[in-house]
């Protein structure tokens, strides 16, 4: 598919130049994260659509969804609530084209055996600045929604 010079100029003017002109600030849960144009540029691309127009596209190859916390009150455990929350998170990450999901859990008394039974792969160990011992897990994702893993 050939894209003409006029279309390339339009794409540069309407998308590329504004996208790369300054840092982007994301606000997530009240926390501000600044993304530099250089970093943003590694994940943005343009590709032709069916009408040979250049349209923005994101490159998600380096994006990882991080599951930070799952908490179910003690009296509600063993009812599938945690599994449902994790499955929804995994599905959302897959639909957002993330190639993998990662998490950490306590090495002592944590949910490591549950995650391993559910298809998560232990990637090693780490320690927090205060000395807590954690296990790191990854779940590779496929294209499209990921089925529940129990």
N, C-alpha and C. Protein backbone atom coordinates (compact mmCIF):
# COMPACT_ATOMS: atom_id res chain seq x y z
N UNK A 1 0.85 -1.17 0.00
CA UNK A 1 0.00 0.00 0.00
C UNK A 1 0.90 1.24 0.00
N UNK A 2 0.67 2.15 -0.92
CA UNK A 2 1.47 3.36 -1.04
C UNK A 2 0.74 4.52 -0.38
N UNK A 3 1.48 5.27 0.38
CA UNK A 3 0.93 6.46 1.04
C UNK A 3 1.62 7.67 0.43
N UNK A 4 0.83 8.63 -0.05
CA UNK A 4 1.38 9.80 -0.73
C UNK A 4 1.97 10.82 0.22
N UNK A 5 2.74 11.75 -0.36
CA UNK A 5 3.41 12.78 0.43
C UNK A 5 2.41 13.66 1.18
N UNK A 6 1.28 13.96 0.55
CA UNK A 6 0.28 14.81 1.22
C UNK A 6 -0.23 14.13 2.49
N UNK A 7 -0.43 12.83 2.43
CA UNK A 7 -0.92 12.10 3.61
C UNK A 7 0.14 12.05 4.70
N UNK A 8 1.39 11.87 4.31
CA UNK A 8 2.49 11.87 5.30
C UNK A 8 2.57 13.24 5.97
N UNK A 9 2.46 14.31 5.18
CA UNK A 9 2.50 15.67 5.75
C UNK A 9 1.34 15.91 6.70
N UNK A 10 0.15 15.44 6.33
CA UNK A 10 -1.02 15.59 7.21
C UNK A 10 -0.81 14.86 8.53
N UNK A 11 -0.30 13.63 8.44
CA UNK A 11 -0.07 12.83 9.65
C UNK A 11 0.98 13.50 10.55
N UNK A 12 2.01 14.04 9.95
CA UNK A 12 3.03 14.73 10.74
C UNK A 12 2.45 15.94 11.45
N UNK A 13 1.66 16.74 10.71
CA UNK A 13 1.09 17.96 11.27
C UNK A 13 0.05 17.67 12.35
N UNK A 14 -0.84 16.71 12.10
CA UNK A 14 -1.97 16.47 13.00
C UNK A 14 -1.65 15.51 14.15
N UNK A 15 -0.65 14.66 13.99
CA UNK A 15 -0.40 13.67 15.04
C UNK A 15 1.04 13.69 15.54
N UNK A 16 1.99 13.44 14.67
CA UNK A 16 3.37 13.22 15.11
C UNK A 16 3.98 14.43 15.80
N UNK A 17 3.87 15.59 15.19
CA UNK A 17 4.47 16.79 15.79
C UNK A 17 3.84 17.12 17.14
N UNK A 18 2.49 17.19 17.25
CA UNK A 18 1.91 17.45 18.57
C UNK A 18 2.26 16.37 19.61
N UNK A 19 2.27 15.11 19.19
CA UNK A 19 2.54 14.01 20.13
C UNK A 19 3.95 14.08 20.69
N UNK A 20 4.90 14.58 19.91
CA UNK A 20 6.30 14.58 20.32
C UNK A 20 6.79 15.96 20.78
N UNK A 21 5.90 16.94 20.91
CA UNK A 21 6.33 18.30 21.20
C UNK A 21 6.65 18.57 22.66
N UNK A 22 6.17 17.74 23.57
CA UNK A 22 6.39 17.98 25.00
C UNK A 22 6.12 16.68 25.76
N UNK A 23 6.56 16.61 27.01
CA UNK A 23 6.25 15.41 27.80
C UNK A 23 4.74 15.26 27.98
N UNK A 24 4.32 14.02 28.16
CA UNK A 24 2.92 13.71 28.45
C UNK A 24 2.85 13.38 29.94
N UNK A 25 1.86 13.92 30.63
CA UNK A 25 1.70 13.62 32.05
C UNK A 25 0.45 12.78 32.23
N UNK A 26 0.64 11.57 32.78
CA UNK A 26 -0.48 10.69 33.12
C UNK A 26 -0.77 10.86 34.59
N UNK A 27 -2.04 10.90 34.95
CA UNK A 27 -2.43 10.93 36.35
C UNK A 27 -3.19 9.64 36.64
N UNK A 28 -2.62 8.83 37.52
CA UNK A 28 -3.19 7.54 37.87
C UNK A 28 -3.32 7.48 39.38
N UNK A 29 -4.56 7.36 39.87
CA UNK A 29 -4.77 7.27 41.30
C UNK A 29 -4.19 8.45 42.05
N UNK A 30 -4.24 9.63 41.47
CA UNK A 30 -3.72 10.83 42.12
C UNK A 30 -2.21 11.01 41.97
N UNK A 31 -1.54 10.04 41.37
CA UNK A 31 -0.08 10.12 41.17
C UNK A 31 0.20 10.56 39.74
N UNK A 32 1.08 11.54 39.57
CA UNK A 32 1.42 12.04 38.24
C UNK A 32 2.70 11.37 37.75
N UNK A 33 2.65 10.90 36.50
CA UNK A 33 3.79 10.25 35.88
C UNK A 33 4.08 10.98 34.58
N UNK A 34 5.29 11.49 34.44
CA UNK A 34 5.66 12.22 33.23
C UNK A 34 6.39 11.28 32.28
N UNK A 35 5.96 11.28 31.02
CA UNK A 35 6.57 10.44 29.99
C UNK A 35 7.22 11.37 28.97
N UNK A 36 8.53 11.21 28.80
CA UNK A 36 9.27 12.09 27.89
C UNK A 36 8.92 11.78 26.44
N UNK A 37 9.10 12.75 25.55
CA UNK A 37 8.88 12.48 24.12
C UNK A 37 9.73 11.32 23.61
N UNK A 38 10.95 11.18 24.10
CA UNK A 38 11.81 10.08 23.65
C UNK A 38 11.21 8.73 24.01
N UNK A 39 10.70 8.61 25.24
CA UNK A 39 10.07 7.35 25.66
C UNK A 39 8.78 7.12 24.90
N UNK A 40 7.97 8.14 24.79
CA UNK A 40 6.71 8.03 24.06
C UNK A 40 6.95 7.62 22.62
N UNK A 41 7.98 8.18 22.01
CA UNK A 41 8.29 7.88 20.62
C UNK A 41 8.63 6.42 20.36
N UNK A 42 9.09 5.71 21.39
CA UNK A 42 9.40 4.29 21.24
C UNK A 42 8.14 3.44 21.10
N UNK A 43 6.99 3.99 21.49
CA UNK A 43 5.75 3.22 21.51
C UNK A 43 4.68 3.74 20.56
N UNK A 44 4.97 4.78 19.82
CA UNK A 44 4.01 5.32 18.86
C UNK A 44 4.50 5.06 17.44
N UNK A 45 3.56 4.76 16.59
CA UNK A 45 3.89 4.55 15.19
C UNK A 45 2.69 4.98 14.36
N UNK A 46 2.87 5.05 13.08
CA UNK A 46 1.77 5.34 12.16
C UNK A 46 1.71 4.20 11.17
N UNK A 47 0.51 3.77 10.84
CA UNK A 47 0.38 2.77 9.80
C UNK A 47 -0.85 3.07 8.97
N UNK A 48 -0.83 2.66 7.70
CA UNK A 48 -1.95 2.99 6.82
C UNK A 48 -3.19 2.19 7.19
N UNK A 49 -4.35 2.85 7.08
CA UNK A 49 -5.61 2.13 7.25
C UNK A 49 -6.11 1.71 5.87
N UNK A 50 -7.32 1.20 5.79
CA UNK A 50 -7.86 0.68 4.53
C UNK A 50 -7.95 1.76 3.44
N UNK A 51 -8.06 3.03 3.83
CA UNK A 51 -8.18 4.12 2.87
C UNK A 51 -6.82 4.74 2.54
N UNK A 52 -5.72 4.07 2.90
CA UNK A 52 -4.36 4.56 2.68
C UNK A 52 -4.06 5.83 3.46
N UNK A 53 -4.81 6.08 4.50
CA UNK A 53 -4.51 7.23 5.36
C UNK A 53 -3.62 6.74 6.50
N UNK A 54 -2.74 7.61 6.97
CA UNK A 54 -1.88 7.25 8.09
C UNK A 54 -2.65 7.50 9.37
N UNK A 55 -2.72 6.49 10.21
CA UNK A 55 -3.43 6.61 11.48
C UNK A 55 -2.49 6.22 12.61
N UNK A 56 -2.66 6.83 13.79
CA UNK A 56 -1.80 6.50 14.91
C UNK A 56 -2.01 5.06 15.37
N UNK A 57 -0.95 4.46 15.83
CA UNK A 57 -1.01 3.12 16.39
C UNK A 57 0.00 3.04 17.52
N UNK A 58 -0.33 2.35 18.58
CA UNK A 58 0.59 2.20 19.70
C UNK A 58 1.29 0.86 19.60
N UNK A 59 2.56 0.85 19.92
CA UNK A 59 3.33 -0.39 19.99
C UNK A 59 3.33 -0.83 21.43
N UNK A 60 2.61 -1.92 21.73
CA UNK A 60 2.49 -2.40 23.11
C UNK A 60 3.52 -3.48 23.43
N UNK A 61 4.50 -3.72 22.56
CA UNK A 61 5.41 -4.85 22.77
C UNK A 61 6.20 -4.75 24.06
N UNK A 62 6.46 -3.56 24.54
CA UNK A 62 7.23 -3.42 25.77
C UNK A 62 6.38 -3.10 26.99
N UNK A 63 5.07 -3.11 26.85
CA UNK A 63 4.18 -2.73 27.94
C UNK A 63 3.86 -3.95 28.80
N UNK A 64 3.97 -3.80 30.09
CA UNK A 64 3.63 -4.86 31.03
C UNK A 64 2.57 -4.34 31.97
N UNK A 65 1.51 -5.11 32.15
CA UNK A 65 0.49 -4.77 33.14
C UNK A 65 0.97 -5.30 34.48
N UNK A 66 0.93 -4.47 35.50
CA UNK A 66 1.42 -4.86 36.82
C UNK A 66 0.24 -4.95 37.78
N UNK A 67 0.04 -6.13 38.32
CA UNK A 67 -0.99 -6.37 39.33
C UNK A 67 -0.37 -6.02 40.67
N UNK A 68 -0.77 -4.89 41.25
CA UNK A 68 -0.12 -4.39 42.45
C UNK A 68 -0.67 -5.02 43.73
N UNK A 69 -1.97 -5.10 43.87
CA UNK A 69 -2.55 -5.61 45.11
C UNK A 69 -3.85 -6.33 44.82
N UNK A 70 -4.06 -7.45 45.49
CA UNK A 70 -5.35 -8.12 45.52
C UNK A 70 -5.61 -8.43 46.98
N UNK A 71 -6.71 -7.94 47.50
CA UNK A 71 -7.03 -8.19 48.90
C UNK A 71 -8.49 -8.58 49.01
N UNK A 72 -8.73 -9.69 49.67
CA UNK A 72 -10.09 -10.14 49.96
C UNK A 72 -10.17 -10.33 51.46
N UNK A 73 -11.15 -9.71 52.08
CA UNK A 73 -11.29 -9.82 53.52
C UNK A 73 -11.40 -11.28 53.94
N UNK A 74 -10.88 -11.61 55.10
CA UNK A 74 -10.75 -13.01 55.52
C UNK A 74 -12.05 -13.79 55.46
N UNK A 75 -13.15 -13.21 55.91
CA UNK A 75 -14.42 -13.96 55.93
C UNK A 75 -15.00 -14.21 54.53
N UNK A 76 -14.47 -13.51 53.52
CA UNK A 76 -14.98 -13.69 52.15
C UNK A 76 -14.07 -14.55 51.28
N UNK A 77 -12.98 -15.03 51.85
CA UNK A 77 -12.03 -15.83 51.07
C UNK A 77 -12.61 -17.20 50.73
N UNK A 78 -12.01 -17.84 49.74
CA UNK A 78 -12.41 -19.19 49.27
C UNK A 78 -13.76 -19.19 48.59
N UNK A 79 -14.20 -18.05 48.10
CA UNK A 79 -15.46 -17.95 47.36
C UNK A 79 -15.22 -17.56 45.91
N UNK A 80 -13.97 -17.53 45.49
CA UNK A 80 -13.65 -17.20 44.10
C UNK A 80 -13.56 -15.72 43.80
N UNK A 81 -13.65 -14.88 44.83
CA UNK A 81 -13.63 -13.43 44.62
C UNK A 81 -12.26 -12.98 44.11
N UNK A 82 -11.18 -13.43 44.77
CA UNK A 82 -9.84 -13.06 44.34
C UNK A 82 -9.55 -13.55 42.93
N UNK A 83 -9.94 -14.81 42.65
CA UNK A 83 -9.73 -15.36 41.31
C UNK A 83 -10.47 -14.55 40.26
N UNK A 84 -11.69 -14.12 40.58
CA UNK A 84 -12.47 -13.32 39.63
C UNK A 84 -11.82 -11.96 39.39
N UNK A 85 -11.30 -11.34 40.44
CA UNK A 85 -10.63 -10.04 40.30
C UNK A 85 -9.38 -10.19 39.42
N UNK A 86 -8.59 -11.23 39.68
CA UNK A 86 -7.37 -11.46 38.90
C UNK A 86 -7.71 -11.76 37.45
N UNK A 87 -8.72 -12.60 37.23
CA UNK A 87 -9.12 -12.94 35.85
C UNK A 87 -9.57 -11.70 35.10
N UNK A 88 -10.31 -10.82 35.76
CA UNK A 88 -10.75 -9.58 35.09
C UNK A 88 -9.56 -8.70 34.74
N UNK A 89 -8.60 -8.60 35.66
CA UNK A 89 -7.40 -7.82 35.39
C UNK A 89 -6.63 -8.38 34.20
N UNK A 90 -6.47 -9.70 34.17
CA UNK A 90 -5.75 -10.36 33.08
C UNK A 90 -6.48 -10.13 31.75
N UNK A 91 -7.80 -10.27 31.75
CA UNK A 91 -8.58 -10.02 30.52
C UNK A 91 -8.42 -8.58 30.06
N UNK A 92 -8.49 -7.62 30.99
CA UNK A 92 -8.33 -6.21 30.63
C UNK A 92 -6.95 -5.95 30.04
N UNK A 93 -5.91 -6.57 30.64
CA UNK A 93 -4.55 -6.39 30.13
C UNK A 93 -4.42 -6.99 28.73
N UNK A 94 -5.01 -8.16 28.51
CA UNK A 94 -4.95 -8.79 27.19
C UNK A 94 -5.68 -7.94 26.15
N UNK A 95 -6.84 -7.41 26.51
CA UNK A 95 -7.59 -6.56 25.58
C UNK A 95 -6.85 -5.26 25.28
N UNK A 96 -5.99 -4.81 26.21
CA UNK A 96 -5.18 -3.61 25.98
C UNK A 96 -3.89 -3.94 25.24
N UNK A 97 -3.75 -5.18 24.77
CA UNK A 97 -2.60 -5.66 24.00
C UNK A 97 -1.31 -5.74 24.79
N UNK A 98 -1.40 -5.86 26.10
CA UNK A 98 -0.19 -6.08 26.89
C UNK A 98 0.29 -7.50 26.65
N UNK A 99 1.58 -7.70 26.42
CA UNK A 99 2.06 -9.05 26.16
C UNK A 99 2.21 -9.90 27.41
N UNK A 100 2.22 -9.25 28.59
CA UNK A 100 2.35 -10.03 29.82
C UNK A 100 1.83 -9.23 31.00
N UNK A 101 1.57 -9.96 32.09
CA UNK A 101 1.17 -9.39 33.37
C UNK A 101 2.22 -9.83 34.37
N UNK A 102 2.56 -8.99 35.31
CA UNK A 102 3.53 -9.35 36.34
C UNK A 102 3.00 -8.96 37.71
N UNK A 103 3.49 -9.65 38.75
CA UNK A 103 3.10 -9.34 40.12
C UNK A 103 4.18 -9.83 41.06
N UNK A 104 4.10 -9.41 42.30
CA UNK A 104 4.94 -9.94 43.37
C UNK A 104 4.03 -10.39 44.50
N UNK A 105 4.49 -11.37 45.23
CA UNK A 105 3.77 -11.85 46.41
C UNK A 105 4.80 -12.23 47.46
N UNK A 106 4.40 -12.24 48.69
CA UNK A 106 5.30 -12.58 49.78
C UNK A 106 5.87 -13.99 49.59
N UNK A 107 7.17 -14.13 49.82
CA UNK A 107 7.80 -15.44 49.69
C UNK A 107 7.39 -16.37 50.83
N UNK A 108 7.07 -15.82 51.96
CA UNK A 108 6.69 -16.62 53.12
C UNK A 108 5.19 -16.41 53.40
N UNK A 109 4.41 -17.45 53.15
CA UNK A 109 2.97 -17.36 53.40
C UNK A 109 2.20 -16.61 52.33
N UNK A 110 2.83 -16.33 51.19
CA UNK A 110 2.17 -15.62 50.11
C UNK A 110 1.37 -16.57 49.23
N UNK A 111 0.86 -16.05 48.14
CA UNK A 111 -0.02 -16.80 47.25
C UNK A 111 0.74 -17.46 46.10
N UNK A 112 2.07 -17.61 46.21
CA UNK A 112 2.86 -18.20 45.15
C UNK A 112 2.33 -19.52 44.62
N UNK A 113 2.00 -20.49 45.50
CA UNK A 113 1.48 -21.77 45.00
C UNK A 113 0.18 -21.60 44.20
N UNK A 114 -0.69 -20.68 44.62
CA UNK A 114 -1.92 -20.42 43.87
C UNK A 114 -1.59 -19.91 42.47
N UNK A 115 -0.68 -18.93 42.39
CA UNK A 115 -0.34 -18.36 41.09
C UNK A 115 0.30 -19.42 40.18
N UNK A 116 1.15 -20.27 40.73
CA UNK A 116 1.77 -21.32 39.93
C UNK A 116 0.74 -22.31 39.41
N UNK A 117 -0.24 -22.68 40.24
CA UNK A 117 -1.32 -23.57 39.77
C UNK A 117 -2.15 -22.90 38.68
N UNK A 118 -2.17 -21.58 38.68
CA UNK A 118 -2.99 -20.82 37.73
C UNK A 118 -2.22 -20.44 36.46
N UNK A 119 -0.99 -20.96 36.31
CA UNK A 119 -0.24 -20.73 35.08
C UNK A 119 0.78 -19.61 35.13
N UNK A 120 0.93 -18.94 36.26
CA UNK A 120 1.93 -17.88 36.40
C UNK A 120 3.30 -18.53 36.52
N UNK A 121 4.33 -17.87 36.01
CA UNK A 121 5.69 -18.39 36.02
C UNK A 121 6.55 -17.59 37.00
N UNK A 122 7.16 -18.28 37.97
CA UNK A 122 8.02 -17.60 38.93
C UNK A 122 9.27 -17.12 38.19
N UNK A 123 9.58 -15.83 38.33
CA UNK A 123 10.71 -15.22 37.63
C UNK A 123 11.89 -14.95 38.56
N UNK A 124 11.72 -15.24 39.84
CA UNK A 124 12.83 -15.01 40.77
C UNK A 124 12.36 -14.36 42.05
N UNK A 125 13.32 -13.85 42.78
CA UNK A 125 13.06 -13.26 44.09
C UNK A 125 13.60 -11.85 44.14
N UNK A 126 13.07 -11.06 45.06
CA UNK A 126 13.57 -9.71 45.31
C UNK A 126 13.31 -9.38 46.77
N UNK A 127 13.88 -8.31 47.22
CA UNK A 127 13.65 -7.82 48.58
C UNK A 127 13.26 -6.35 48.50
N UNK A 128 12.35 -5.97 49.37
CA UNK A 128 11.95 -4.57 49.45
C UNK A 128 13.02 -3.80 50.21
N UNK A 129 13.01 -2.47 50.14
CA UNK A 129 14.00 -1.69 50.90
C UNK A 129 13.96 -1.99 52.40
N UNK A 130 12.77 -2.39 52.91
CA UNK A 130 12.69 -2.71 54.35
C UNK A 130 12.98 -4.18 54.63
N UNK A 131 13.43 -4.94 53.60
CA UNK A 131 13.89 -6.30 53.81
C UNK A 131 12.88 -7.42 53.59
N UNK A 132 11.63 -7.09 53.21
CA UNK A 132 10.65 -8.16 52.96
C UNK A 132 11.07 -8.98 51.75
N UNK A 133 10.92 -10.27 51.85
CA UNK A 133 11.31 -11.21 50.80
C UNK A 133 10.09 -11.47 49.91
N UNK A 134 10.21 -11.19 48.60
CA UNK A 134 9.11 -11.33 47.66
C UNK A 134 9.48 -12.26 46.51
N UNK A 135 8.47 -12.91 45.95
CA UNK A 135 8.61 -13.70 44.74
C UNK A 135 7.97 -12.92 43.59
N UNK A 136 8.60 -12.94 42.42
CA UNK A 136 8.09 -12.24 41.24
C UNK A 136 7.51 -13.26 40.27
N UNK A 137 6.32 -12.96 39.74
CA UNK A 137 5.64 -13.86 38.80
C UNK A 137 5.24 -13.11 37.55
N UNK A 138 5.28 -13.81 36.41
CA UNK A 138 4.81 -13.29 35.13
C UNK A 138 3.76 -14.23 34.57
N UNK A 139 2.82 -13.67 33.83
CA UNK A 139 1.84 -14.44 33.08
C UNK A 139 1.88 -13.94 31.65
N UNK A 140 2.47 -14.70 30.73
CA UNK A 140 2.46 -14.27 29.32
C UNK A 140 1.02 -14.28 28.80
N UNK A 141 0.69 -13.27 28.02
CA UNK A 141 -0.66 -13.16 27.46
C UNK A 141 -0.63 -13.41 25.97
N UNK A 142 -1.76 -13.79 25.44
CA UNK A 142 -1.94 -14.03 24.01
C UNK A 142 -2.80 -12.93 23.45
N UNK A 143 -2.94 -12.91 22.13
CA UNK A 143 -3.83 -11.92 21.51
C UNK A 143 -5.25 -12.15 21.97
N UNK A 144 -5.95 -11.07 22.25
CA UNK A 144 -7.35 -11.15 22.64
C UNK A 144 -7.50 -11.47 24.10
N UNK A 145 -8.75 -11.58 24.57
CA UNK A 145 -9.02 -11.85 25.97
C UNK A 145 -8.42 -13.19 26.40
N UNK A 146 -7.93 -13.23 27.61
CA UNK A 146 -7.33 -14.44 28.15
C UNK A 146 -8.36 -15.18 28.99
N UNK A 147 -8.52 -16.48 28.75
CA UNK A 147 -9.48 -17.21 29.57
C UNK A 147 -9.03 -17.31 31.01
N UNK A 148 -9.98 -17.53 31.91
CA UNK A 148 -9.65 -17.70 33.31
C UNK A 148 -8.74 -18.90 33.46
N UNK A 149 -7.76 -18.78 34.35
CA UNK A 149 -6.83 -19.87 34.60
C UNK A 149 -7.01 -20.33 36.02
N UNK A 150 -7.66 -21.45 36.22
CA UNK A 150 -7.84 -22.02 37.57
C UNK A 150 -7.38 -23.44 37.55
